[in-house]
Amino acid sequence: MKFTSVLMSAAAIGLSAVGINAQQNQPACSSIYTRKEILSLTSSEWNLIRSILSAMQRDGWFPWFAYLHNQW
């Protein structure tokens, strides 16, 4: 038991001394999106939104999506 504690402590000290940082090993975000202002949507963007919402309603997903949205 003591050996395991000593080994874990030594490993933690060794890793910190080497400078291992999990955040440094993460890839950078390749695509960050900013939500577009609703008043600046083009007619083609509105048509796309309308068709998506209609398909969700037709396929029965819209009520479930609304339910989940209200739960969180």
N, C-alpha and C. Protein backbone atom coordinates (compact mmCIF):
# COMPACT_ATOMS: atom_id res chain seq x y z
N MET A 1 0.82 -1.19 0.00
CA MET A 1 0.00 0.00 0.00
C MET A 1 0.87 1.26 0.00
N LYS A 2 1.87 1.27 0.90
CA LYS A 2 2.75 2.43 0.96
C LYS A 2 3.57 2.57 -0.32
N PHE A 3 3.97 1.41 -0.88
CA PHE A 3 4.75 1.44 -2.12
C PHE A 3 3.95 2.08 -3.24
N THR A 4 2.64 1.75 -3.33
CA THR A 4 1.79 2.31 -4.37
C THR A 4 1.66 3.82 -4.20
N SER A 5 1.50 4.28 -2.96
CA SER A 5 1.40 5.71 -2.70
C SER A 5 2.69 6.43 -3.07
N VAL A 6 3.80 5.82 -2.72
CA VAL A 6 5.10 6.43 -3.04
C VAL A 6 5.30 6.47 -4.55
N LEU A 7 4.93 5.38 -5.23
CA LEU A 7 5.08 5.32 -6.68
C LEU A 7 4.20 6.37 -7.36
N MET A 8 2.97 6.50 -6.91
CA MET A 8 2.07 7.50 -7.51
C MET A 8 2.57 8.92 -7.26
N SER A 9 3.07 9.17 -6.07
CA SER A 9 3.62 10.50 -5.75
C SER A 9 4.83 10.81 -6.62
N ALA A 10 5.69 9.82 -6.78
CA ALA A 10 6.88 10.02 -7.61
C ALA A 10 6.50 10.26 -9.06
N ALA A 11 5.49 9.53 -9.54
CA ALA A 11 5.05 9.73 -10.92
C ALA A 11 4.47 11.12 -11.11
N ALA A 12 3.68 11.58 -10.14
CA ALA A 12 3.09 12.92 -10.24
C ALA A 12 4.16 14.00 -10.22
N ILE A 13 5.14 13.84 -9.35
CA ILE A 13 6.23 14.82 -9.29
C ILE A 13 7.04 14.79 -10.57
N GLY A 14 7.30 13.59 -11.07
CA GLY A 14 8.06 13.46 -12.31
C GLY A 14 7.36 14.09 -13.49
N LEU A 15 6.06 13.86 -13.61
CA LEU A 15 5.31 14.44 -14.73
C LEU A 15 5.25 15.96 -14.62
N SER A 16 5.11 16.47 -13.41
CA SER A 16 5.05 17.92 -13.27
C SER A 16 6.41 18.55 -13.55
N ALA A 17 7.48 17.84 -13.20
CA ALA A 17 8.82 18.36 -13.46
C ALA A 17 9.12 18.39 -14.96
N VAL A 18 8.59 17.42 -15.69
CA VAL A 18 8.81 17.36 -17.13
C VAL A 18 8.00 18.44 -17.82
N GLY A 19 6.93 18.89 -17.18
CA GLY A 19 6.11 19.94 -17.76
C GLY A 19 5.00 19.41 -18.62
N ILE A 20 4.49 18.24 -18.34
CA ILE A 20 3.37 17.67 -19.10
C ILE A 20 2.12 18.45 -18.74
N ASN A 21 1.45 18.97 -19.73
CA ASN A 21 0.22 19.70 -19.51
C ASN A 21 -0.80 19.18 -20.50
N ALA A 22 -1.91 18.67 -20.01
CA ALA A 22 -2.91 18.07 -20.90
C ALA A 22 -3.48 19.09 -21.88
N GLN A 23 -3.60 20.34 -21.46
CA GLN A 23 -4.16 21.35 -22.34
C GLN A 23 -3.22 21.67 -23.49
N GLN A 24 -1.94 21.53 -23.28
CA GLN A 24 -0.99 21.81 -24.36
C GLN A 24 -1.07 20.74 -25.44
N ASN A 25 -1.50 19.54 -25.08
CA ASN A 25 -1.56 18.45 -26.04
C ASN A 25 -2.87 18.41 -26.81
N GLN A 26 -3.81 19.28 -26.49
CA GLN A 26 -5.10 19.31 -27.17
C GLN A 26 -4.98 20.08 -28.49
N PRO A 27 -5.64 19.57 -29.54
CA PRO A 27 -5.62 20.33 -30.80
C PRO A 27 -6.45 21.61 -30.66
N ALA A 28 -6.04 22.62 -31.38
CA ALA A 28 -6.77 23.88 -31.36
C ALA A 28 -8.12 23.71 -32.06
N CYS A 29 -9.08 24.52 -31.69
CA CYS A 29 -10.38 24.48 -32.35
C CYS A 29 -10.20 24.83 -33.81
N SER A 30 -10.76 23.99 -34.68
CA SER A 30 -10.59 24.24 -36.10
C SER A 30 -11.74 25.05 -36.68
N SER A 31 -12.86 25.05 -35.99
CA SER A 31 -14.00 25.81 -36.52
C SER A 31 -14.84 26.34 -35.36
N ILE A 32 -14.81 27.64 -35.19
CA ILE A 32 -15.61 28.30 -34.18
C ILE A 32 -16.64 29.14 -34.91
N TYR A 33 -17.91 28.92 -34.58
CA TYR A 33 -18.98 29.63 -35.24
C TYR A 33 -19.57 30.68 -34.32
N THR A 34 -19.95 31.79 -34.89
CA THR A 34 -20.66 32.84 -34.18
C THR A 34 -22.08 32.87 -34.70
N ARG A 35 -23.04 32.85 -33.78
CA ARG A 35 -24.43 32.86 -34.19
C ARG A 35 -24.76 34.17 -34.91
N LYS A 36 -25.43 34.04 -36.03
CA LYS A 36 -25.78 35.20 -36.85
C LYS A 36 -27.01 35.88 -36.26
N GLU A 37 -27.03 37.19 -36.34
CA GLU A 37 -28.17 37.97 -35.88
C GLU A 37 -29.39 37.63 -36.73
N ILE A 38 -30.52 37.40 -36.09
CA ILE A 38 -31.73 36.96 -36.80
C ILE A 38 -32.21 38.00 -37.82
N LEU A 39 -31.99 39.26 -37.52
CA LEU A 39 -32.45 40.31 -38.43
C LEU A 39 -31.59 40.42 -39.70
N SER A 40 -30.44 39.78 -39.69
CA SER A 40 -29.56 39.87 -40.85
C SER A 40 -29.59 38.61 -41.72
N LEU A 41 -30.54 37.70 -41.48
CA LEU A 41 -30.64 36.49 -42.30
C LEU A 41 -31.16 36.84 -43.69
N THR A 42 -30.60 36.18 -44.68
CA THR A 42 -31.07 36.38 -46.05
C THR A 42 -32.32 35.55 -46.28
N SER A 43 -33.00 35.79 -47.40
CA SER A 43 -34.21 35.02 -47.69
C SER A 43 -33.89 33.53 -47.89
N SER A 44 -32.73 33.23 -48.47
CA SER A 44 -32.37 31.82 -48.64
C SER A 44 -32.08 31.15 -47.30
N GLU A 45 -31.49 31.89 -46.36
CA GLU A 45 -31.26 31.34 -45.02
C GLU A 45 -32.58 31.11 -44.29
N TRP A 46 -33.53 32.04 -44.44
CA TRP A 46 -34.85 31.86 -43.84
C TRP A 46 -35.55 30.65 -44.45
N ASN A 47 -35.43 30.48 -45.76
CA ASN A 47 -36.05 29.32 -46.41
C ASN A 47 -35.45 28.01 -45.89
N LEU A 48 -34.15 28.01 -45.67
CA LEU A 48 -33.50 26.82 -45.12
C LEU A 48 -34.02 26.52 -43.71
N ILE A 49 -34.11 27.53 -42.88
CA ILE A 49 -34.64 27.35 -41.52
C ILE A 49 -36.08 26.87 -41.57
N ARG A 50 -36.87 27.46 -42.44
CA ARG A 50 -38.28 27.06 -42.57
C ARG A 50 -38.40 25.59 -43.00
N SER A 51 -37.57 25.19 -43.95
CA SER A 51 -37.65 23.80 -44.40
C SER A 51 -37.19 22.82 -43.33
N ILE A 52 -36.19 23.20 -42.56
CA ILE A 52 -35.72 22.34 -41.47
C ILE A 52 -36.79 22.20 -40.40
N LEU A 53 -37.39 23.31 -40.00
CA LEU A 53 -38.44 23.26 -38.98
C LEU A 53 -39.67 22.50 -39.47
N SER A 54 -40.01 22.66 -40.74
CA SER A 54 -41.14 21.91 -41.31
C SER A 54 -40.86 20.41 -41.31
N ALA A 55 -39.63 20.03 -41.67
CA ALA A 55 -39.26 18.62 -41.66
C ALA A 55 -39.27 18.06 -40.24
N MET A 56 -38.81 18.85 -39.29
CA MET A 56 -38.85 18.41 -37.89
C MET A 56 -40.29 18.20 -37.43
N GLN A 57 -41.16 19.11 -37.79
CA GLN A 57 -42.56 18.99 -37.41
C GLN A 57 -43.20 17.78 -38.10
N ARG A 58 -42.94 17.64 -39.39
CA ARG A 58 -43.52 16.53 -40.16
C ARG A 58 -43.07 15.17 -39.62
N ASP A 59 -41.80 15.08 -39.23
CA ASP A 59 -41.24 13.81 -38.77
C ASP A 59 -41.42 13.55 -37.28
N GLY A 60 -42.05 14.50 -36.58
CA GLY A 60 -42.33 14.31 -35.17
C GLY A 60 -41.20 14.69 -34.23
N TRP A 61 -40.18 15.34 -34.75
CA TRP A 61 -39.04 15.72 -33.91
C TRP A 61 -39.24 17.05 -33.20
N PHE A 62 -40.05 17.92 -33.75
CA PHE A 62 -40.17 19.25 -33.17
C PHE A 62 -40.73 19.22 -31.75
N PRO A 63 -41.80 18.46 -31.46
CA PRO A 63 -42.29 18.42 -30.07
C PRO A 63 -41.24 17.87 -29.09
N TRP A 64 -40.47 16.87 -29.52
CA TRP A 64 -39.43 16.31 -28.66
C TRP A 64 -38.32 17.33 -28.43
N PHE A 65 -37.93 18.02 -29.48
CA PHE A 65 -36.91 19.05 -29.37
C PHE A 65 -37.37 20.16 -28.43
N ALA A 66 -38.62 20.57 -28.56
CA ALA A 66 -39.18 21.61 -27.69
C ALA A 66 -39.21 21.13 -26.24
N TYR A 67 -39.58 19.88 -26.04
CA TYR A 67 -39.60 19.32 -24.69
C TYR A 67 -38.20 19.35 -24.07
N LEU A 68 -37.19 18.89 -24.82
CA LEU A 68 -35.83 18.89 -24.30
C LEU A 68 -35.33 20.31 -24.04
N HIS A 69 -35.68 21.21 -24.92
CA HIS A 69 -35.26 22.61 -24.76
C HIS A 69 -35.80 23.19 -23.45
N ASN A 70 -37.04 22.88 -23.12
CA ASN A 70 -37.66 23.41 -21.92
C ASN A 70 -37.17 22.72 -20.65
N GLN A 71 -36.63 21.50 -20.78
CA GLN A 71 -36.11 20.79 -19.61
C GLN A 71 -34.80 21.36 -19.12
N TRP A 72 -34.00 21.91 -19.98
CA TRP A 72 -32.68 22.42 -19.57
C TRP A 72 -32.76 23.89 -19.39
